[in-house]
Amino acid sequence: MNAIHSTAACVIQQGERFLMVEEARGGSSTVFNQPAGHIEPGEGPIAAILREVAEETAWQVTLTGYLGLYIFHTPKGQTFHSHGFIATPGRFLDTPLDNDITATHWLTLAEIRALDAAGRLRSPLVVTRIEDALAARGYPLAVIRE
């Protein structure tokens, strides 16, 4: 029986642009994703996403909403329960990024959709989370009790 992977991801918007990370995926290719990662033992989704955003982007953010729980099944049979968050950028920390992050980018939705069309997004949830955030489909952070 496969374990369920519990993750968190964050839509961070500044003006018309969204903060994205470019990640190494073996070989010379890279993929793009929202700041995201696994929830560690002893950690809740809010603590996890604040940690992941800082580690992957060197930004301290303010969470403004919870998009909900996204369930994704990969073609290889893995199941991910991904908690989606909305945040605004706060302070740039100027700290080193995680080893697998090659760069961060502020991209428009059109640029992100072009990456999706080119097969360069890590997950189909990237665009879905942005569309949900833009449509104000979020919930108060208080729905999560850590």
N, C-alpha and C. Protein backbone atom coordinates (compact mmCIF):
# COMPACT_ATOMS: atom_id res chain seq x y z
N MET A 1 0.84 -1.19 0.00
CA MET A 1 0.00 0.00 0.00
C MET A 1 0.88 1.24 0.00
N ASN A 2 0.61 2.16 -0.90
CA ASN A 2 1.38 3.39 -0.99
C ASN A 2 0.95 4.38 0.09
N ALA A 3 1.94 5.10 0.61
CA ALA A 3 1.65 6.13 1.60
C ALA A 3 1.10 7.36 0.90
N ILE A 4 0.30 8.12 1.61
CA ILE A 4 -0.20 9.38 1.10
C ILE A 4 0.81 10.46 1.46
N HIS A 5 1.16 11.28 0.49
CA HIS A 5 2.11 12.35 0.70
C HIS A 5 1.35 13.62 1.07
N SER A 6 1.68 14.18 2.22
CA SER A 6 1.03 15.41 2.69
C SER A 6 1.95 16.58 2.39
N THR A 7 1.44 17.51 1.56
CA THR A 7 2.26 18.64 1.13
C THR A 7 1.50 19.95 1.32
N ALA A 8 2.21 21.05 1.12
CA ALA A 8 1.62 22.38 1.15
C ALA A 8 2.23 23.19 0.03
N ALA A 9 1.42 24.06 -0.58
CA ALA A 9 1.87 24.93 -1.67
C ALA A 9 1.25 26.31 -1.48
N CYS A 10 1.90 27.33 -2.05
CA CYS A 10 1.45 28.69 -1.79
C CYS A 10 1.43 29.54 -3.05
N VAL A 11 0.30 30.20 -3.28
CA VAL A 11 0.16 31.20 -4.34
C VAL A 11 0.54 32.54 -3.72
N ILE A 12 1.61 33.13 -4.23
CA ILE A 12 2.10 34.42 -3.72
C ILE A 12 2.02 35.41 -4.87
N GLN A 13 1.18 36.41 -4.70
CA GLN A 13 0.93 37.36 -5.78
C GLN A 13 1.41 38.75 -5.40
N GLN A 14 2.04 39.41 -6.36
CA GLN A 14 2.44 40.82 -6.21
C GLN A 14 2.07 41.50 -7.52
N GLY A 15 1.07 42.35 -7.48
CA GLY A 15 0.56 42.96 -8.70
C GLY A 15 -0.01 41.89 -9.61
N GLU A 16 0.46 41.85 -10.85
CA GLU A 16 -0.02 40.87 -11.83
C GLU A 16 0.90 39.65 -11.92
N ARG A 17 1.85 39.53 -11.00
CA ARG A 17 2.85 38.45 -11.08
C ARG A 17 2.77 37.53 -9.87
N PHE A 18 3.21 36.29 -10.11
CA PHE A 18 3.17 35.25 -9.09
C PHE A 18 4.59 34.73 -8.87
N LEU A 19 4.93 34.48 -7.61
CA LEU A 19 6.26 33.97 -7.28
C LEU A 19 6.32 32.48 -7.57
N MET A 20 7.25 32.12 -8.45
CA MET A 20 7.43 30.72 -8.85
C MET A 20 8.87 30.31 -8.59
N VAL A 21 9.06 29.02 -8.39
CA VAL A 21 10.41 28.47 -8.25
C VAL A 21 10.70 27.61 -9.47
N GLU A 22 11.95 27.64 -9.89
CA GLU A 22 12.42 26.77 -10.96
C GLU A 22 13.28 25.69 -10.31
N GLU A 23 12.92 24.44 -10.56
CA GLU A 23 13.55 23.32 -9.87
C GLU A 23 14.27 22.40 -10.83
N ALA A 24 15.40 21.88 -10.40
CA ALA A 24 16.12 20.85 -11.15
C ALA A 24 15.33 19.55 -11.06
N ARG A 25 15.18 18.87 -12.19
CA ARG A 25 14.43 17.60 -12.22
C ARG A 25 15.23 16.52 -12.91
N GLY A 26 16.53 16.49 -12.68
CA GLY A 26 17.38 15.48 -13.32
C GLY A 26 17.77 15.92 -14.71
N GLY A 27 19.01 15.66 -15.05
CA GLY A 27 19.49 16.08 -16.37
C GLY A 27 19.59 17.59 -16.46
N SER A 28 19.35 18.10 -17.64
CA SER A 28 19.47 19.55 -17.85
C SER A 28 18.12 20.26 -17.80
N SER A 29 17.03 19.51 -17.64
CA SER A 29 15.71 20.12 -17.65
C SER A 29 15.33 20.65 -16.27
N THR A 30 14.50 21.69 -16.28
CA THR A 30 13.95 22.23 -15.05
C THR A 30 12.44 22.32 -15.21
N VAL A 31 11.75 22.39 -14.06
CA VAL A 31 10.31 22.58 -14.05
C VAL A 31 9.99 23.75 -13.12
N PHE A 32 8.78 24.27 -13.26
CA PHE A 32 8.35 25.42 -12.46
C PHE A 32 7.22 24.99 -11.53
N ASN A 33 7.20 25.58 -10.35
CA ASN A 33 6.21 25.24 -9.34
C ASN A 33 6.00 26.44 -8.43
N GLN A 34 4.89 26.43 -7.72
CA GLN A 34 4.76 27.36 -6.62
C GLN A 34 5.70 26.88 -5.51
N PRO A 35 6.07 27.76 -4.60
CA PRO A 35 6.79 27.27 -3.43
C PRO A 35 5.94 26.19 -2.76
N ALA A 36 6.54 25.04 -2.52
CA ALA A 36 5.77 23.90 -2.01
C ALA A 36 6.72 22.86 -1.44
N GLY A 37 6.16 21.97 -0.65
CA GLY A 37 6.96 20.88 -0.13
C GLY A 37 6.19 20.01 0.84
N HIS A 38 6.87 18.98 1.29
CA HIS A 38 6.26 18.02 2.21
C HIS A 38 6.11 18.61 3.61
N ILE A 39 5.05 18.21 4.27
CA ILE A 39 4.85 18.56 5.67
C ILE A 39 5.64 17.56 6.49
N GLU A 40 6.54 18.06 7.31
CA GLU A 40 7.44 17.21 8.10
C GLU A 40 6.74 16.69 9.35
N PRO A 41 7.23 15.57 9.90
CA PRO A 41 6.66 15.06 11.16
C PRO A 41 6.70 16.14 12.24
N GLY A 42 5.61 16.26 12.98
CA GLY A 42 5.52 17.24 14.05
C GLY A 42 5.15 18.63 13.57
N GLU A 43 4.87 18.78 12.29
CA GLU A 43 4.59 20.08 11.69
C GLU A 43 3.17 20.08 11.12
N GLY A 44 2.50 21.20 11.20
CA GLY A 44 1.21 21.35 10.55
C GLY A 44 1.38 22.05 9.21
N PRO A 45 0.31 22.15 8.42
CA PRO A 45 0.44 22.75 7.10
C PRO A 45 0.83 24.23 7.10
N ILE A 46 0.39 25.00 8.10
CA ILE A 46 0.75 26.42 8.14
C ILE A 46 2.24 26.59 8.42
N ALA A 47 2.74 25.90 9.42
CA ALA A 47 4.18 25.97 9.72
C ALA A 47 4.99 25.46 8.54
N ALA A 48 4.50 24.40 7.89
CA ALA A 48 5.23 23.82 6.76
C ALA A 48 5.35 24.79 5.60
N ILE A 49 4.25 25.46 5.25
CA ILE A 49 4.32 26.34 4.08
C ILE A 49 5.17 27.58 4.37
N LEU A 50 5.12 28.11 5.56
CA LEU A 50 5.99 29.24 5.89
C LEU A 50 7.46 28.84 5.79
N ARG A 51 7.79 27.64 6.27
CA ARG A 51 9.16 27.14 6.19
C ARG A 51 9.57 26.92 4.73
N GLU A 52 8.69 26.24 3.96
CA GLU A 52 9.01 25.94 2.56
C GLU A 52 9.20 27.21 1.74
N VAL A 53 8.34 28.19 1.92
CA VAL A 53 8.47 29.44 1.16
C VAL A 53 9.82 30.08 1.47
N ALA A 54 10.19 30.16 2.74
CA ALA A 54 11.48 30.76 3.11
C ALA A 54 12.64 29.96 2.53
N GLU A 55 12.58 28.64 2.61
CA GLU A 55 13.68 27.81 2.11
C GLU A 55 13.81 27.86 0.58
N GLU A 56 12.68 27.93 -0.12
CA GLU A 56 12.72 27.84 -1.57
C GLU A 56 12.81 29.19 -2.28
N THR A 57 12.39 30.27 -1.61
CA THR A 57 12.36 31.58 -2.28
C THR A 57 13.13 32.67 -1.55
N ALA A 58 13.51 32.45 -0.30
CA ALA A 58 14.14 33.46 0.55
C ALA A 58 13.20 34.64 0.82
N TRP A 59 11.89 34.38 0.77
CA TRP A 59 10.90 35.40 1.11
C TRP A 59 10.18 35.00 2.39
N GLN A 60 9.94 35.99 3.23
CA GLN A 60 9.03 35.83 4.36
C GLN A 60 7.69 36.36 3.88
N VAL A 61 6.64 35.59 4.05
CA VAL A 61 5.33 35.98 3.53
C VAL A 61 4.31 36.06 4.66
N THR A 62 3.20 36.71 4.35
CA THR A 62 2.05 36.74 5.25
C THR A 62 0.94 35.93 4.60
N LEU A 63 0.53 34.88 5.27
CA LEU A 63 -0.56 34.06 4.75
C LEU A 63 -1.86 34.85 4.88
N THR A 64 -2.66 34.85 3.82
CA THR A 64 -3.92 35.59 3.83
C THR A 64 -5.13 34.70 3.66
N GLY A 65 -4.93 33.45 3.31
CA GLY A 65 -6.07 32.55 3.14
C GLY A 65 -5.64 31.13 2.87
N TYR A 66 -6.62 30.25 2.98
CA TYR A 66 -6.44 28.82 2.74
C TYR A 66 -7.29 28.45 1.53
N LEU A 67 -6.67 27.93 0.49
CA LEU A 67 -7.40 27.56 -0.72
C LEU A 67 -8.15 26.24 -0.57
N GLY A 68 -7.67 25.40 0.32
CA GLY A 68 -8.32 24.11 0.51
C GLY A 68 -7.35 22.97 0.31
N LEU A 69 -7.90 21.77 0.34
CA LEU A 69 -7.12 20.55 0.18
C LEU A 69 -7.31 20.03 -1.24
N TYR A 70 -6.21 19.91 -1.96
CA TYR A 70 -6.21 19.40 -3.33
C TYR A 70 -5.68 17.97 -3.29
N ILE A 71 -6.42 17.05 -3.87
CA ILE A 71 -6.00 15.66 -3.90
C ILE A 71 -5.59 15.32 -5.32
N PHE A 72 -4.38 14.81 -5.46
CA PHE A 72 -3.81 14.54 -6.78
C PHE A 72 -3.26 13.12 -6.80
N HIS A 73 -3.64 12.37 -7.82
CA HIS A 73 -3.14 11.01 -8.02
C HIS A 73 -2.21 11.03 -9.23
N THR A 74 -0.96 10.61 -9.06
CA THR A 74 -0.01 10.61 -10.17
C THR A 74 -0.23 9.36 -11.03
N PRO A 75 0.25 9.41 -12.26
CA PRO A 75 0.15 8.23 -13.13
C PRO A 75 0.89 7.01 -12.54
N LYS A 76 1.86 7.26 -11.66
CA LYS A 76 2.62 6.16 -11.04
C LYS A 76 1.93 5.60 -9.81
N GLY A 77 0.73 6.10 -9.50
CA GLY A 77 -0.02 5.56 -8.38
C GLY A 77 0.20 6.23 -7.04
N GLN A 78 0.93 7.33 -7.02
CA GLN A 78 1.12 8.06 -5.77
C GLN A 78 -0.06 8.99 -5.54
N THR A 79 -0.39 9.22 -4.27
CA THR A 79 -1.47 10.14 -3.91
C THR A 79 -0.89 11.26 -3.06
N PHE A 80 -1.22 12.49 -3.46
CA PHE A 80 -0.79 13.68 -2.72
C PHE A 80 -2.00 14.41 -2.18
N HIS A 81 -1.94 14.77 -0.91
CA HIS A 81 -2.91 15.67 -0.30
C HIS A 81 -2.16 16.99 -0.13
N SER A 82 -2.51 17.95 -0.96
CA SER A 82 -1.78 19.22 -1.00
C SER A 82 -2.64 20.35 -0.45
N HIS A 83 -2.18 20.95 0.62
CA HIS A 83 -2.86 22.10 1.21
C HIS A 83 -2.44 23.35 0.45
N GLY A 84 -3.41 24.09 -0.10
CA GLY A 84 -3.12 25.30 -0.85
C GLY A 84 -3.32 26.54 -0.01
N PHE A 85 -2.39 27.46 -0.11
CA PHE A 85 -2.45 28.71 0.64
C PHE A 85 -2.30 29.90 -0.29
N ILE A 86 -2.75 31.06 0.18
CA ILE A 86 -2.56 32.34 -0.49
C ILE A 86 -1.73 33.21 0.45
N ALA A 87 -0.78 33.95 -0.12
CA ALA A 87 0.06 34.83 0.71
C ALA A 87 0.46 36.07 -0.06
N THR A 88 0.87 37.07 0.70
CA THR A 88 1.46 38.26 0.12
C THR A 88 2.93 38.30 0.53
N PRO A 89 3.79 38.82 -0.36
CA PRO A 89 5.21 38.88 0.00
C PRO A 89 5.43 39.91 1.09
N GLY A 90 6.33 39.59 1.99
CA GLY A 90 6.65 40.51 3.07
C GLY A 90 8.06 41.05 2.91
N ARG A 91 8.99 40.30 3.43
CA ARG A 91 10.39 40.75 3.47
C ARG A 91 11.26 39.73 2.75
N PHE A 92 12.16 40.23 1.89
CA PHE A 92 13.13 39.35 1.24
C PHE A 92 14.24 39.06 2.22
N LEU A 93 14.51 37.79 2.49
CA LEU A 93 15.46 37.39 3.52
C LEU A 93 16.89 37.32 3.01
N ASP A 94 17.08 37.20 1.70
CA ASP A 94 18.41 37.10 1.10
C ASP A 94 19.21 35.96 1.70
N THR A 95 18.56 34.79 1.84
CA THR A 95 19.22 33.60 2.36
C THR A 95 19.39 32.59 1.21
N PRO A 96 20.29 31.63 1.35
CA PRO A 96 20.48 30.65 0.28
C PRO A 96 19.20 29.83 0.04
N LEU A 97 18.98 29.46 -1.22
CA LEU A 97 17.81 28.66 -1.58
C LEU A 97 18.14 27.17 -1.43
N ASP A 98 17.09 26.34 -1.28
CA ASP A 98 17.27 24.89 -1.27
C ASP A 98 18.11 24.48 -2.47
N ASN A 99 18.86 23.39 -2.32
CA ASN A 99 19.77 22.93 -3.37
C ASN A 99 19.10 22.65 -4.70
N ASP A 100 17.85 22.14 -4.69
CA ASP A 100 17.21 21.78 -5.96
C ASP A 100 16.51 22.96 -6.63
N ILE A 101 16.51 24.14 -6.00
CA ILE A 101 15.91 25.34 -6.60
C ILE A 101 17.01 26.06 -7.37
N THR A 102 16.80 26.21 -8.68
CA THR A 102 17.82 26.87 -9.50
C THR A 102 17.59 28.38 -9.60
N ALA A 103 16.32 28.82 -9.43
CA ALA A 103 16.01 30.25 -9.51
C ALA A 103 14.59 30.49 -9.04
N THR A 104 14.31 31.74 -8.73
CA THR A 104 12.92 32.16 -8.46
C THR A 104 12.55 33.18 -9.52
N HIS A 105 11.26 33.25 -9.83
CA HIS A 105 10.77 34.15 -10.87
C HIS A 105 9.42 34.73 -10.46
N TRP A 106 9.18 35.99 -10.82
CA TRP A 106 7.87 36.61 -10.71
C TRP A 106 7.26 36.57 -12.11
N LEU A 107 6.27 35.70 -12.33
CA LEU A 107 5.71 35.46 -13.65
C LEU A 107 4.23 35.84 -13.71
N THR A 108 3.79 36.27 -14.88
CA THR A 108 2.37 36.54 -15.09
C THR A 108 1.64 35.21 -15.30
N LEU A 109 0.33 35.25 -15.18
CA LEU A 109 -0.46 34.04 -15.44
C LEU A 109 -0.27 33.59 -16.88
N ALA A 110 -0.17 34.51 -17.82
CA ALA A 110 0.05 34.13 -19.23
C ALA A 110 1.39 33.40 -19.38
N GLU A 111 2.42 33.85 -18.70
CA GLU A 111 3.72 33.17 -18.77
C GLU A 111 3.65 31.79 -18.14
N ILE A 112 2.89 31.66 -17.04
CA ILE A 112 2.74 30.37 -16.38
C ILE A 112 1.94 29.41 -17.26
N ARG A 113 0.91 29.92 -17.92
CA ARG A 113 0.14 29.08 -18.84
C ARG A 113 0.99 28.63 -20.02
N ALA A 114 1.89 29.48 -20.50
CA ALA A 114 2.80 29.10 -21.59
C ALA A 114 3.74 27.98 -21.13
N LEU A 115 4.22 28.06 -19.88
CA LEU A 115 5.05 26.99 -19.33
C LEU A 115 4.24 25.69 -19.23
N ASP A 116 2.97 25.80 -18.84
CA ASP A 116 2.10 24.64 -18.76
C ASP A 116 1.94 23.99 -20.14
N ALA A 117 1.69 24.81 -21.15
CA ALA A 117 1.53 24.30 -22.52
C ALA A 117 2.80 23.61 -23.01
N ALA A 118 3.95 24.05 -22.52
CA ALA A 118 5.23 23.46 -22.91
C ALA A 118 5.60 22.27 -22.03
N GLY A 119 4.71 21.88 -21.09
CA GLY A 119 5.01 20.75 -20.21
C GLY A 119 6.07 21.05 -19.18
N ARG A 120 6.20 22.31 -18.77
CA ARG A 120 7.27 22.71 -17.85
C ARG A 120 6.80 22.95 -16.42
N LEU A 121 5.50 22.68 -16.11
CA LEU A 121 5.03 22.82 -14.73
C LEU A 121 5.19 21.49 -14.01
N ARG A 122 5.56 21.55 -12.76
CA ARG A 122 5.76 20.32 -11.98
C ARG A 122 4.45 19.58 -11.76
N SER A 123 3.36 20.33 -11.63
CA SER A 123 2.07 19.72 -11.30
C SER A 123 0.95 20.46 -12.03
N PRO A 124 -0.10 19.72 -12.39
CA PRO A 124 -1.27 20.40 -12.97
C PRO A 124 -1.99 21.28 -11.95
N LEU A 125 -1.67 21.14 -10.69
CA LEU A 125 -2.31 21.94 -9.65
C LEU A 125 -1.83 23.39 -9.64
N VAL A 126 -0.69 23.68 -10.27
CA VAL A 126 -0.13 25.03 -10.24
C VAL A 126 -1.14 26.04 -10.78
N VAL A 127 -1.64 25.81 -11.98
CA VAL A 127 -2.59 26.74 -12.59
C VAL A 127 -3.92 26.72 -11.84
N THR A 128 -4.36 25.55 -11.41
CA THR A 128 -5.62 25.44 -10.68
C THR A 128 -5.60 26.29 -9.41
N ARG A 129 -4.49 26.22 -8.66
CA ARG A 129 -4.39 27.01 -7.43
C ARG A 129 -4.43 28.51 -7.73
N ILE A 130 -3.73 28.94 -8.79
CA ILE A 130 -3.74 30.36 -9.14
C ILE A 130 -5.15 30.79 -9.53
N GLU A 131 -5.81 30.00 -10.36
CA GLU A 131 -7.18 30.34 -10.78
C GLU A 131 -8.11 30.41 -9.58
N ASP A 132 -7.96 29.48 -8.63
CA ASP A 132 -8.79 29.51 -7.43
C ASP A 132 -8.51 30.75 -6.59
N ALA A 133 -7.24 31.12 -6.48
CA ALA A 133 -6.89 32.32 -5.71
C ALA A 133 -7.47 33.57 -6.38
N LEU A 134 -7.36 33.65 -7.70
CA LEU A 134 -7.89 34.82 -8.42
C LEU A 134 -9.41 34.90 -8.33
N ALA A 135 -10.07 33.75 -8.22
CA ALA A 135 -11.53 33.71 -8.11
C ALA A 135 -12.00 33.84 -6.66
N ALA A 136 -11.07 34.10 -5.74
CA ALA A 136 -11.38 34.26 -4.31
C ALA A 136 -12.10 33.04 -3.76
N ARG A 137 -11.61 31.85 -4.10
CA ARG A 137 -12.20 30.61 -3.62
C ARG A 137 -11.55 30.13 -2.31
N GLY A 138 -11.00 31.04 -1.55
CA GLY A 138 -10.30 30.65 -0.33
C GLY A 138 -11.18 30.65 0.90
N TYR A 139 -10.55 30.24 1.98
CA TYR A 139 -11.19 30.15 3.29
C TYR A 139 -10.30 30.86 4.30
N PRO A 140 -10.86 31.27 5.43
CA PRO A 140 -10.01 31.85 6.48
C PRO A 140 -9.02 30.82 6.99
N LEU A 141 -7.85 31.29 7.40
CA LEU A 141 -6.83 30.39 7.95
C LEU A 141 -7.32 29.66 9.19
N ALA A 142 -8.31 30.21 9.87
CA ALA A 142 -8.84 29.60 11.10
C ALA A 142 -9.48 28.23 10.87
N VAL A 143 -9.75 27.86 9.59
CA VAL A 143 -10.30 26.52 9.36
C VAL A 143 -9.28 25.44 9.64
N ILE A 144 -8.00 25.83 9.75
CA ILE A 144 -6.95 24.87 10.09
C ILE A 144 -6.63 25.04 11.56
N ARG A 145 -6.67 23.96 12.28
CA ARG A 145 -6.36 24.00 13.72
C ARG A 145 -5.09 23.20 13.94
N GLU A 146 -3.98 23.92 14.09
CA GLU A 146 -2.68 23.26 14.30
C GLU A 146 -2.39 23.16 15.77
